[in-house]
Amino acid sequence: MLRFLLRRTGSLAVVLLVLSAVVFLLQQISPGDPARASLGANASRKAVAAERHRLGLDDPLPVQFLRFLGHAVRGDFGTSYRTHRPVATDLATAFPATLELVVAAFVLALLLAAVFAASSALSWPLAGIGRGVLLVVATAPPFLLALVGIVVFYAHLDWLPGSGRGDGGLGSELSHLVLPATVLAIAPALAVGRILRSGLEATLAADHVRTARSKGLGQASVLARHVVRNSIGPSLAMAGLQLGFLFAGTVVVEQVFSWPGMGNYLASSIPTSDYPAIAAVTLVLGAVYVVVNTLADVLQTAADPRLA
């Protein structure tokens, strides 16, 4: 297990380094001049040249990359051209909102996945109807689900708010969280639920489970002692993968619901060519994705040490 952890930690460091290099190169080949974007379209050539020198854009690429890497490790992503604040300050405000949305969506996705898998594997009444509804809803793109949710639950029924994060009260924040979290949770719930259902069905048909039932153990005891742990490994890996996808999916959902998170911040930064903000959000979301999947691998190995 220790060797596995060391291997995964080394792989994590390499992937993060490669991710940083990719973000840096994309920033270099992007159209437009960061110096001119910082000063404005009406800046003189002399002012732009001075700004390029101040930003270090006339240094060799290896020097620029090492400086970019050093600043990123310290959490220094420069100043936003759009907000004129340090990008780290903007992210400190936006990231908690995104994290709140993703955690709520992930918990909801796991609950829906567990219900989907258990109802199918154990042949609950009306399980087929529930599966059909989830399958139909999961095929719709998130922006369409978001718009339908706003039209139905905000415009027509007036049950839930259609935008924003709330006024600070617990009830207000929870009500604002319901629609965007549900929209984000649908696709991951189906993906994890399918894997978990397959695992449950395969384990329920295994010899040791039939033996446990023949000894008189009840359904709950059989599931808790013999089925769940042997079935959960692959679904843990899928859950980690889907958690990473959730962070990427916030870009669209946050825009539709005016949720003040990193996705909305990124969407607002792209039209203004706010390179420091774009690079920072891309790097942070990419790093979160890699770290989450590494943790999922570790948890999967802890559940089944044979994978180490």
C-alpha atoms as a PDB file:
ATOM      1  CA  MET A   1       0.000   0.000   0.000  1.00  0.00           C
ATOM      2  CA  LEU A   2       2.869   2.376   0.814  1.00  0.00           C
ATOM      3  CA  ARG A   3       4.491   1.727  -2.569  1.00  0.00           C
ATOM      4  CA  PHE A   4       1.149   2.372  -4.238  1.00  0.00           C
ATOM      5  CA  LEU A   5       0.779   5.700  -2.419  1.00  0.00           C
ATOM      6  CA  LEU A   6       4.302   6.728  -3.406  1.00  0.00           C
ATOM      7  CA  ARG A   7       3.621   5.817  -7.040  1.00  0.00           C
ATOM      8  CA  ARG A   8       0.371   7.751  -7.100  1.00  0.00           C
ATOM      9  CA  THR A   9       1.980  10.774  -5.430  1.00  0.00           C
ATOM     10  CA  GLY A  10       4.790  10.765  -8.005  1.00  0.00           C
ATOM     11  CA  SER A  11       2.293  10.429 -10.851  1.00  0.00           C
ATOM     12  CA  LEU A  12       0.239  13.271  -9.379  1.00  0.00           C
ATOM     13  CA  ALA A  13       3.272  15.575  -9.323  1.00  0.00           C
ATOM     14  CA  VAL A  14       4.158  14.742 -12.935  1.00  0.00           C
ATOM     15  CA  VAL A  15       0.590  15.276 -14.162  1.00  0.00           C
ATOM     16  CA  LEU A  16       0.344  18.625 -12.361  1.00  0.00           C
ATOM     17  CA  LEU A  17       3.643  19.705 -13.935  1.00  0.00           C
ATOM     18  CA  VAL A  18       2.424  18.711 -17.403  1.00  0.00           C
ATOM     19  CA  LEU A  19      -0.884  20.485 -16.765  1.00  0.00           C
ATOM     20  CA  SER A  20       0.982  23.657 -15.811  1.00  0.00           C
ATOM     21  CA  ALA A  21       3.058  23.430 -18.985  1.00  0.00           C
ATOM     22  CA  VAL A  22      -0.066  22.957 -21.142  1.00  0.00           C
ATOM     23  CA  VAL A  23      -1.816  25.937 -19.538  1.00  0.00           C
ATOM     24  CA  PHE A  24       1.303  28.057 -20.022  1.00  0.00           C
ATOM     25  CA  LEU A  25       1.643  27.072 -23.689  1.00  0.00           C
ATOM     26  CA  LEU A  26      -2.041  27.702 -24.369  1.00  0.00           C
ATOM     27  CA  GLN A  27      -1.617  31.136 -22.840  1.00  0.00           C
ATOM     28  CA  GLN A  28       1.372  31.774 -25.125  1.00  0.00           C
ATOM     29  CA  ILE A  29      -0.358  30.743 -28.360  1.00  0.00           C
ATOM     30  CA  SER A  30      -3.666  32.433 -27.593  1.00  0.00           C
ATOM     31  CA  PRO A  31      -4.508  35.305 -29.951  1.00  0.00           C
ATOM     32  CA  GLY A  32      -4.057  38.806 -28.623  1.00  0.00           C
ATOM     33  CA  ASP A  33      -1.418  40.530 -26.564  1.00  0.00           C
ATOM     34  CA  PRO A  34      -1.677  40.327 -22.757  1.00  0.00           C
ATOM     35  CA  ALA A  35       0.113  43.655 -22.435  1.00  0.00           C
ATOM     36  CA  ARG A  36      -2.380  45.407 -24.708  1.00  0.00           C
ATOM     37  CA  ALA A  37      -5.269  43.640 -22.964  1.00  0.00           C
ATOM     38  CA  SER A  38      -3.933  44.972 -19.674  1.00  0.00           C
ATOM     39  CA  LEU A  39      -3.576  48.569 -20.885  1.00  0.00           C
ATOM     40  CA  GLY A  40      -6.546  48.767 -23.255  1.00  0.00           C
ATOM     41  CA  ALA A  41      -6.957  48.953 -27.020  1.00  0.00           C
ATOM     42  CA  ASN A  42      -5.981  52.651 -27.195  1.00  0.00           C
ATOM     43  CA  ALA A  43      -2.563  52.249 -25.552  1.00  0.00           C
ATOM     44  CA  SER A  44       0.442  53.440 -27.541  1.00  0.00           C
ATOM     45  CA  ARG A  45       3.097  51.083 -28.861  1.00  0.00           C
ATOM     46  CA  LYS A  46       5.634  52.495 -26.432  1.00  0.00           C
ATOM     47  CA  ALA A  47       3.321  51.880 -23.481  1.00  0.00           C
ATOM     48  CA  VAL A  48       2.608  48.339 -24.686  1.00  0.00           C
ATOM     49  CA  ALA A  49       6.324  47.623 -25.069  1.00  0.00           C
ATOM     50  CA  ALA A  50       6.973  48.917 -21.551  1.00  0.00           C
ATOM     51  CA  GLU A  51       4.134  46.791 -20.195  1.00  0.00           C
ATOM     52  CA  ARG A  52       5.481  43.699 -21.975  1.00  0.00           C
ATOM     53  CA  HIS A  53       8.848  44.305 -20.338  1.00  0.00           C
ATOM     54  CA  ARG A  54       7.231  44.798 -16.926  1.00  0.00           C
ATOM     55  CA  LEU A  55       5.291  41.557 -17.306  1.00  0.00           C
ATOM     56  CA  GLY A  56       8.404  39.699 -18.456  1.00  0.00           C
ATOM     57  CA  LEU A  57       6.842  38.790 -21.804  1.00  0.00           C
ATOM     58  CA  ASP A  58      10.077  39.566 -23.665  1.00  0.00           C
ATOM     59  CA  ASP A  59      12.020  36.966 -21.635  1.00  0.00           C
ATOM     60  CA  PRO A  60      12.841  33.531 -23.129  1.00  0.00           C
ATOM     61  CA  LEU A  61       9.990  30.998 -22.833  1.00  0.00           C
ATOM     62  CA  PRO A  62      11.811  28.722 -20.326  1.00  0.00           C
ATOM     63  CA  VAL A  63      12.343  31.712 -18.039  1.00  0.00           C
ATOM     64  CA  GLN A  64       8.699  32.731 -18.373  1.00  0.00           C
ATOM     65  CA  PHE A  65       7.536  29.167 -17.615  1.00  0.00           C
ATOM     66  CA  LEU A  66       9.682  28.861 -14.501  1.00  0.00           C
ATOM     67  CA  ARG A  67       8.386  32.218 -13.298  1.00  0.00           C
ATOM     68  CA  PHE A  68       4.792  31.143 -14.077  1.00  0.00           C
ATOM     69  CA  LEU A  69       5.338  27.869 -12.208  1.00  0.00           C
ATOM     70  CA  GLY A  70       6.859  29.583  -9.191  1.00  0.00           C
ATOM     71  CA  HIS A  71       4.021  32.083  -8.960  1.00  0.00           C
ATOM     72  CA  ALA A  72       1.414  29.326  -9.371  1.00  0.00           C
ATOM     73  CA  VAL A  73       2.926  27.285  -6.535  1.00  0.00           C
ATOM     74  CA  ARG A  74       2.645  30.356  -4.291  1.00  0.00           C
ATOM     75  CA  GLY A  75      -0.926  31.007  -5.446  1.00  0.00           C
ATOM     76  CA  ASP A  76       0.090  34.199  -7.249  1.00  0.00           C
ATOM     77  CA  PHE A  77      -1.732  34.317 -10.589  1.00  0.00           C
ATOM     78  CA  GLY A  78      -1.235  38.001 -11.263  1.00  0.00           C
ATOM     79  CA  THR A  79      -3.853  40.730 -11.580  1.00  0.00           C
ATOM     80  CA  SER A  80      -7.095  40.364 -13.489  1.00  0.00           C
ATOM     81  CA  TYR A  81      -7.364  42.677 -16.492  1.00  0.00           C
ATOM     82  CA  ARG A  82     -11.141  42.786 -16.017  1.00  0.00           C
ATOM     83  CA  THR A  83     -11.601  43.285 -12.266  1.00  0.00           C
ATOM     84  CA  HIS A  84      -8.186  44.920 -11.619  1.00  0.00           C
ATOM     85  CA  ARG A  85      -7.885  42.799  -8.475  1.00  0.00           C
ATOM     86  CA  PRO A  86      -5.422  39.978  -7.758  1.00  0.00           C
ATOM     87  CA  VAL A  87      -6.755  36.822  -9.403  1.00  0.00           C
ATOM     88  CA  ALA A  88      -6.130  34.935  -6.171  1.00  0.00           C
ATOM     89  CA  THR A  89      -8.523  37.325  -4.407  1.00  0.00           C
ATOM     90  CA  ASP A  90     -11.193  36.728  -7.045  1.00  0.00           C
ATOM     91  CA  LEU A  91     -10.721  32.955  -6.791  1.00  0.00           C
ATOM     92  CA  ALA A  92     -10.949  33.102  -3.007  1.00  0.00           C
ATOM     93  CA  THR A  93     -14.460  34.493  -3.494  1.00  0.00           C
ATOM     94  CA  ALA A  94     -15.515  32.312  -6.436  1.00  0.00           C
ATOM     95  CA  PHE A  95     -14.071  28.940  -5.409  1.00  0.00           C
ATOM     96  CA  PRO A  96     -16.164  28.476  -2.225  1.00  0.00           C
ATOM     97  CA  ALA A  97     -19.337  29.044  -4.254  1.00  0.00           C
ATOM     98  CA  THR A  98     -18.268  26.462  -6.832  1.00  0.00           C
ATOM     99  CA  LEU A  99     -17.199  24.025  -4.121  1.00  0.00           C
ATOM    100  CA  GLU A 100     -20.563  24.409  -2.379  1.00  0.00           C
ATOM    101  CA  LEU A 101     -22.414  23.692  -5.619  1.00  0.00           C
ATOM    102  CA  VAL A 102     -20.224  20.719  -6.563  1.00  0.00           C
ATOM    103  CA  VAL A 103     -20.391  19.105  -3.110  1.00  0.00           C
ATOM    104  CA  ALA A 104     -24.187  19.429  -3.020  1.00  0.00           C
ATOM    105  CA  ALA A 105     -24.480  18.009  -6.555  1.00  0.00           C
ATOM    106  CA  PHE A 106     -22.080  15.160  -5.764  1.00  0.00           C
ATOM    107  CA  VAL A 107     -23.925  14.125  -2.600  1.00  0.00           C
ATOM    108  CA  LEU A 108     -27.220  14.223  -4.483  1.00  0.00           C
ATOM    109  CA  ALA A 109     -25.691  12.238  -7.364  1.00  0.00           C
ATOM    110  CA  LEU A 110     -24.461   9.526  -4.976  1.00  0.00           C
ATOM    111  CA  LEU A 111     -27.895   9.259  -3.362  1.00  0.00           C
ATOM    112  CA  LEU A 112     -29.627   8.998  -6.734  1.00  0.00           C
ATOM    113  CA  ALA A 113     -27.024   6.479  -7.939  1.00  0.00           C
ATOM    114  CA  ALA A 114     -27.522   4.311  -4.843  1.00  0.00           C
ATOM    115  CA  VAL A 115     -31.303   4.350  -5.280  1.00  0.00           C
ATOM    116  CA  PHE A 116     -30.976   3.636  -9.024  1.00  0.00           C
ATOM    117  CA  ALA A 117     -28.589   0.711  -8.465  1.00  0.00           C
ATOM    118  CA  ALA A 118     -30.401  -0.823  -5.494  1.00  0.00           C
ATOM    119  CA  SER A 119     -33.841  -0.532  -7.063  1.00  0.00           C
ATOM    120  CA  SER A 120     -32.622  -2.235 -10.229  1.00  0.00           C
ATOM    121  CA  ALA A 121     -30.537  -4.965  -8.587  1.00  0.00           C
ATOM    122  CA  LEU A 122     -33.144  -5.799  -5.965  1.00  0.00           C
ATOM    123  CA  SER A 123     -36.142  -5.401  -8.318  1.00  0.00           C
ATOM    124  CA  TRP A 124     -38.015  -2.819  -6.278  1.00  0.00           C
ATOM    125  CA  PRO A 125     -41.579  -1.949  -7.337  1.00  0.00           C
ATOM    126  CA  LEU A 126     -41.754   0.804  -9.980  1.00  0.00           C
ATOM    127  CA  ALA A 127     -37.955   0.598 -10.413  1.00  0.00           C
ATOM    128  CA  GLY A 128     -38.384   0.474 -14.185  1.00  0.00           C
ATOM    129  CA  ILE A 129     -40.283   3.772 -14.234  1.00  0.00           C
ATOM    130  CA  GLY A 130     -37.617   5.475 -12.138  1.00  0.00           C
ATOM    131  CA  ARG A 131     -34.849   4.141 -14.380  1.00  0.00           C
ATOM    132  CA  GLY A 132     -36.677   5.341 -17.463  1.00  0.00           C
ATOM    133  CA  VAL A 133     -37.170   8.845 -16.089  1.00  0.00           C
ATOM    134  CA  LEU A 134     -33.513   9.123 -15.055  1.00  0.00           C
ATOM    135  CA  LEU A 135     -32.325   7.867 -18.435  1.00  0.00           C
ATOM    136  CA  VAL A 136     -34.488  10.357 -20.342  1.00  0.00           C
ATOM    137  CA  VAL A 137     -33.480  13.298 -18.160  1.00  0.00           C
ATOM    138  CA  ALA A 138     -29.779  12.374 -18.257  1.00  0.00           C
ATOM    139  CA  THR A 139     -29.708  12.484 -22.057  1.00  0.00           C
ATOM    140  CA  ALA A 140     -30.614  16.184 -22.095  1.00  0.00           C
ATOM    141  CA  PRO A 141     -27.732  18.699 -22.068  1.00  0.00           C
ATOM    142  CA  PRO A 142     -27.249  20.537 -18.757  1.00  0.00           C
ATOM    143  CA  PHE A 143     -28.144  23.967 -20.154  1.00  0.00           C
ATOM    144  CA  LEU A 144     -31.478  22.616 -21.411  1.00  0.00           C
ATOM    145  CA  LEU A 145     -32.244  20.990 -18.055  1.00  0.00           C
ATOM    146  CA  ALA A 146     -31.353  24.262 -16.359  1.00  0.00           C
ATOM    147  CA  LEU A 147     -33.680  26.281 -18.591  1.00  0.00           C
ATOM    148  CA  VAL A 148     -36.528  23.783 -18.153  1.00  0.00           C
ATOM    149  CA  GLY A 149     -36.006  23.845 -14.388  1.00  0.00           C
ATOM    150  CA  ILE A 150     -36.138  27.647 -14.315  1.00  0.00           C
ATOM    151  CA  VAL A 151     -39.261  27.789 -16.488  1.00  0.00           C
ATOM    152  CA  VAL A 152     -41.126  25.117 -14.504  1.00  0.00           C
ATOM    153  CA  PHE A 153     -40.050  25.605 -10.889  1.00  0.00           C
ATOM    154  CA  TYR A 154     -39.396  29.363 -10.928  1.00  0.00           C
ATOM    155  CA  ALA A 155     -41.508  31.001 -13.641  1.00  0.00           C
ATOM    156  CA  HIS A 156     -44.632  28.803 -13.466  1.00  0.00           C
ATOM    157  CA  LEU A 157     -44.750  27.149 -10.038  1.00  0.00           C
ATOM    158  CA  ASP A 158     -42.702  29.763  -8.143  1.00  0.00           C
ATOM    159  CA  TRP A 159     -41.357  27.050  -5.846  1.00  0.00           C
ATOM    160  CA  LEU A 160     -37.640  27.773  -6.207  1.00  0.00           C
ATOM    161  CA  PRO A 161     -35.506  30.816  -7.081  1.00  0.00           C
ATOM    162  CA  GLY A 162     -34.080  30.892 -10.579  1.00  0.00           C
ATOM    163  CA  SER A 163     -30.746  32.653 -10.094  1.00  0.00           C
ATOM    164  CA  GLY A 164     -28.180  33.806  -7.578  1.00  0.00           C
ATOM    165  CA  ARG A 165     -26.797  32.236  -4.423  1.00  0.00           C
ATOM    166  CA  GLY A 166     -29.175  33.642  -1.811  1.00  0.00           C
ATOM    167  CA  ASP A 167     -29.080  36.451   0.724  1.00  0.00           C
ATOM    168  CA  GLY A 168     -26.924  34.697   3.329  1.00  0.00           C
ATOM    169  CA  GLY A 169     -29.640  32.919   5.284  1.00  0.00           C
ATOM    170  CA  LEU A 170     -29.558  29.121   5.442  1.00  0.00           C
ATOM    171  CA  GLY A 171     -33.039  28.683   3.980  1.00  0.00           C
ATOM    172  CA  SER A 172     -32.369  31.117   1.164  1.00  0.00           C
ATOM    173  CA  GLU A 173     -29.029  29.497   0.274  1.00  0.00           C
ATOM    174  CA  LEU A 174     -30.510  25.993   0.287  1.00  0.00           C
ATOM    175  CA  SER A 175     -33.435  27.017  -1.913  1.00  0.00           C
ATOM    176  CA  HIS A 176     -31.066  28.682  -4.403  1.00  0.00           C
ATOM    177  CA  LEU A 177     -28.899  25.554  -4.385  1.00  0.00           C
ATOM    178  CA  VAL A 178     -31.618  23.031  -5.264  1.00  0.00           C
ATOM    179  CA  LEU A 179     -32.017  23.680  -9.007  1.00  0.00           C
ATOM    180  CA  PRO A 180     -28.349  24.038 -10.056  1.00  0.00           C
ATOM    181  CA  ALA A 181     -27.247  21.121  -7.863  1.00  0.00           C
ATOM    182  CA  THR A 182     -29.974  18.879  -9.269  1.00  0.00           C
ATOM    183  CA  VAL A 183     -29.082  19.776 -12.867  1.00  0.00           C
ATOM    184  CA  LEU A 184     -25.420  18.985 -12.197  1.00  0.00           C
ATOM    185  CA  ALA A 185     -26.216  15.733 -10.373  1.00  0.00           C
ATOM    186  CA  ILE A 186     -28.328  13.975 -13.020  1.00  0.00           C
ATOM    187  CA  ALA A 187     -25.611  12.764 -15.424  1.00  0.00           C
ATOM    188  CA  PRO A 188     -23.142  11.627 -12.722  1.00  0.00           C
ATOM    189  CA  ALA A 189     -25.940   9.812 -10.902  1.00  0.00           C
ATOM    190  CA  LEU A 190     -26.679   7.727 -13.973  1.00  0.00           C
ATOM    191  CA  ALA A 191     -23.006   7.010 -14.693  1.00  0.00           C
ATOM    192  CA  VAL A 192     -22.217   5.896 -11.128  1.00  0.00           C
ATOM    193  CA  GLY A 193     -25.559   4.117 -10.755  1.00  0.00           C
ATOM    194  CA  ARG A 194     -24.959   1.942 -13.816  1.00  0.00           C
ATOM    195  CA  ILE A 195     -21.554   0.790 -12.555  1.00  0.00           C
ATOM    196  CA  LEU A 196     -22.877   0.165  -9.056  1.00  0.00           C
ATOM    197  CA  ARG A 197     -25.879  -1.741 -10.400  1.00  0.00           C
ATOM    198  CA  SER A 198     -23.626  -4.055 -12.419  1.00  0.00           C
ATOM    199  CA  GLY A 199     -21.463  -4.667  -9.375  1.00  0.00           C
ATOM    200  CA  LEU A 200     -24.446  -5.402  -7.151  1.00  0.00           C
ATOM    201  CA  GLU A 201     -26.009  -7.780  -9.663  1.00  0.00           C
ATOM    202  CA  ALA A 202     -22.736  -9.679 -10.144  1.00  0.00           C
ATOM    203  CA  THR A 203     -22.088  -9.943  -6.399  1.00  0.00           C
ATOM    204  CA  LEU A 204     -25.664 -10.971  -5.588  1.00  0.00           C
ATOM    205  CA  ALA A 205     -25.250 -13.900  -7.981  1.00  0.00           C
ATOM    206  CA  ALA A 206     -21.944 -15.009  -6.405  1.00  0.00           C
ATOM    207  CA  ASP A 207     -21.660 -18.314  -4.512  1.00  0.00           C
ATOM    208  CA  HIS A 208     -20.698 -16.759  -1.171  1.00  0.00           C
ATOM    209  CA  VAL A 209     -23.833 -14.587  -1.210  1.00  0.00           C
ATOM    210  CA  ARG A 210     -26.062 -17.574  -1.931  1.00  0.00           C
ATOM    211  CA  THR A 211     -24.335 -19.422   0.911  1.00  0.00           C
ATOM    212  CA  ALA A 212     -24.959 -16.516   3.287  1.00  0.00           C
ATOM    213  CA  ARG A 213     -28.627 -16.496   2.350  1.00  0.00           C
ATOM    214  CA  SER A 214     -28.889 -20.253   2.863  1.00  0.00           C
ATOM    215  CA  LYS A 215     -27.625 -19.761   6.410  1.00  0.00           C
ATOM    216  CA  GLY A 216     -30.651 -17.599   7.134  1.00  0.00           C
ATOM    217  CA  LEU A 217     -29.097 -14.123   6.961  1.00  0.00           C
ATOM    218  CA  GLY A 218     -31.593 -11.377   6.110  1.00  0.00           C
ATOM    219  CA  GLN A 219     -31.381  -9.155   3.059  1.00  0.00           C
ATOM    220  CA  ALA A 220     -29.965  -6.206   4.994  1.00  0.00           C
ATOM    221  CA  SER A 221     -27.234  -8.323   6.609  1.00  0.00           C
ATOM    222  CA  VAL A 222     -26.280  -9.901   3.299  1.00  0.00           C
ATOM    223  CA  LEU A 223     -26.015  -6.500   1.636  1.00  0.00           C
ATOM    224  CA  ALA A 224     -24.025  -4.929   4.466  1.00  0.00           C
ATOM    225  CA  ARG A 225     -21.608  -7.804   5.078  1.00  0.00           C
ATOM    226  CA  HIS A 226     -21.119  -9.453   1.708  1.00  0.00           C
ATOM    227  CA  VAL A 227     -22.408  -7.348  -1.173  1.00  0.00           C
ATOM    228  CA  VAL A 228     -21.715  -3.631  -0.819  1.00  0.00           C
ATOM    229  CA  ARG A 229     -17.970  -3.755  -0.112  1.00  0.00           C
ATOM    230  CA  ASN A 230     -17.353  -6.253  -2.920  1.00  0.00           C
ATOM    231  CA  SER A 231     -19.393  -4.153  -5.359  1.00  0.00           C
ATOM    232  CA  ILE A 232     -18.301  -0.617  -4.575  1.00  0.00           C
ATOM    233  CA  GLY A 233     -14.736  -0.577  -5.979  1.00  0.00           C
ATOM    234  CA  PRO A 234     -15.457   0.228  -9.652  1.00  0.00           C
ATOM    235  CA  SER A 235     -18.184   2.698  -8.691  1.00  0.00           C
ATOM    236  CA  LEU A 236     -15.678   4.573  -6.494  1.00  0.00           C
ATOM    237  CA  ALA A 237     -13.433   5.068  -9.518  1.00  0.00           C
ATOM    238  CA  MET A 238     -16.393   6.270 -11.574  1.00  0.00           C
ATOM    239  CA  ALA A 239     -17.499   8.581  -8.751  1.00  0.00           C
ATOM    240  CA  GLY A 240     -14.059  10.186  -8.666  1.00  0.00           C
ATOM    241  CA  LEU A 241     -14.129  10.659 -12.418  1.00  0.00           C
ATOM    242  CA  GLN A 242     -17.605  12.197 -12.266  1.00  0.00           C
ATOM    243  CA  LEU A 243     -16.599  14.501  -9.407  1.00  0.00           C
ATOM    244  CA  GLY A 244     -13.885  15.913 -11.635  1.00  0.00           C
ATOM    245  CA  PHE A 245     -16.416  16.339 -14.456  1.00  0.00           C
ATOM    246  CA  LEU A 246     -18.726  18.199 -12.069  1.00  0.00           C
ATOM    247  CA  PHE A 247     -16.170  20.981 -11.659  1.00  0.00           C
ATOM    248  CA  ALA A 248     -15.983  21.329 -15.454  1.00  0.00           C
ATOM    249  CA  GLY A 249     -19.768  21.242 -15.754  1.00  0.00           C
ATOM    250  CA  THR A 250     -20.162  24.243 -13.471  1.00  0.00           C
ATOM    251  CA  VAL A 251     -19.105  26.587 -16.288  1.00  0.00           C
ATOM    252  CA  VAL A 252     -22.437  26.202 -18.086  1.00  0.00           C
ATOM    253  CA  VAL A 253     -24.678  25.726 -15.056  1.00  0.00           C
ATOM    254  CA  GLU A 254     -23.262  28.705 -13.166  1.00  0.00           C
ATOM    255  CA  GLN A 255     -23.868  30.937 -16.158  1.00  0.00           C
ATOM    256  CA  VAL A 256     -27.504  29.899 -16.525  1.00  0.00           C
ATOM    257  CA  PHE A 257     -28.252  30.290 -12.814  1.00  0.00           C
ATOM    258  CA  SER A 258     -25.993  33.357 -12.299  1.00  0.00           C
ATOM    259  CA  TRP A 259     -24.144  31.394  -9.633  1.00  0.00           C
ATOM    260  CA  PRO A 260     -21.099  33.454  -8.530  1.00  0.00           C
ATOM    261  CA  GLY A 261     -18.522  30.682  -8.848  1.00  0.00           C
ATOM    262  CA  MET A 262     -15.423  29.910 -10.869  1.00  0.00           C
ATOM    263  CA  GLY A 263     -17.362  28.847 -13.952  1.00  0.00           C
ATOM    264  CA  ASN A 264     -19.141  32.178 -14.103  1.00  0.00           C
ATOM    265  CA  TYR A 265     -15.863  33.967 -13.417  1.00  0.00           C
ATOM    266  CA  LEU A 266     -14.210  32.099 -16.308  1.00  0.00           C
ATOM    267  CA  ALA A 267     -17.105  32.791 -18.673  1.00  0.00           C
ATOM    268  CA  SER A 268     -16.893  36.508 -17.863  1.00  0.00           C
ATOM    269  CA  SER A 269     -13.110  36.554 -18.353  1.00  0.00           C
ATOM    270  CA  ILE A 270     -12.991  34.942 -21.806  1.00  0.00           C
ATOM    271  CA  PRO A 271     -14.666  37.766 -23.806  1.00  0.00           C
ATOM    272  CA  THR A 272     -12.276  40.339 -22.304  1.00  0.00           C
ATOM    273  CA  SER A 273      -9.142  38.194 -22.945  1.00  0.00           C
ATOM    274  CA  ASP A 274      -8.373  38.220 -19.238  1.00  0.00           C
ATOM    275  CA  TYR A 275      -5.391  35.858 -19.583  1.00  0.00           C
ATOM    276  CA  PRO A 276      -4.344  35.667 -15.909  1.00  0.00           C
ATOM    277  CA  ALA A 277      -7.884  34.807 -14.824  1.00  0.00           C
ATOM    278  CA  ILE A 278      -8.385  32.252 -17.617  1.00  0.00           C
ATOM    279  CA  ALA A 279      -5.060  30.548 -16.901  1.00  0.00           C
ATOM    280  CA  ALA A 280      -5.695  30.492 -13.148  1.00  0.00           C
ATOM    281  CA  VAL A 281      -9.190  28.986 -13.404  1.00  0.00           C
ATOM    282  CA  THR A 282      -8.010  26.397 -15.947  1.00  0.00           C
ATOM    283  CA  LEU A 283      -5.076  25.429 -13.753  1.00  0.00           C
ATOM    284  CA  VAL A 284      -7.109  25.234 -10.553  1.00  0.00           C
ATOM    285  CA  LEU A 285      -9.945  23.211 -12.097  1.00  0.00           C
ATOM    286  CA  GLY A 286      -7.451  20.898 -13.790  1.00  0.00           C
ATOM    287  CA  ALA A 287      -5.530  20.398 -10.556  1.00  0.00           C
ATOM    288  CA  VAL A 288      -8.747  19.645  -8.674  1.00  0.00           C
ATOM    289  CA  TYR A 289      -9.697  17.080 -11.310  1.00  0.00           C
ATOM    290  CA  VAL A 290      -6.336  15.318 -11.065  1.00  0.00           C
ATOM    291  CA  VAL A 291      -6.245  15.334  -7.258  1.00  0.00           C
ATOM    292  CA  VAL A 292      -9.822  14.056  -6.973  1.00  0.00           C
ATOM    293  CA  ASN A 293      -9.125  11.142  -9.311  1.00  0.00           C
ATOM    294  CA  THR A 294      -5.960  10.277  -7.409  1.00  0.00           C
ATOM    295  CA  LEU A 295      -7.932  10.200  -4.152  1.00  0.00           C
ATOM    296  CA  ALA A 296     -10.556   8.009  -5.849  1.00  0.00           C
ATOM    297  CA  ASP A 297      -7.820   5.545  -6.850  1.00  0.00           C
ATOM    298  CA  VAL A 298      -6.543   5.481  -3.274  1.00  0.00           C
ATOM    299  CA  LEU A 299     -10.033   4.853  -1.889  1.00  0.00           C
ATOM    300  CA  GLN A 300     -10.649   2.122  -4.451  1.00  0.00           C
ATOM    301  CA  THR A 301      -7.403   0.433  -3.438  1.00  0.00           C
ATOM    302  CA  ALA A 302      -8.291   0.755   0.236  1.00  0.00           C
ATOM    303  CA  ALA A 303     -11.606  -0.966  -0.495  1.00  0.00           C
ATOM    304  CA  ASP A 304      -9.850  -3.708  -2.480  1.00  0.00           C
ATOM    305  CA  PRO A 305      -6.121  -4.032  -1.551  1.00  0.00           C
ATOM    306  CA  ARG A 306      -5.594  -6.465  -4.428  1.00  0.00           C
ATOM    307  CA  LEU A 307      -5.511  -3.455  -6.766  1.00  0.00           C
ATOM    308  CA  ALA A 308      -2.347  -2.053  -5.144  1.00  0.00           C
END
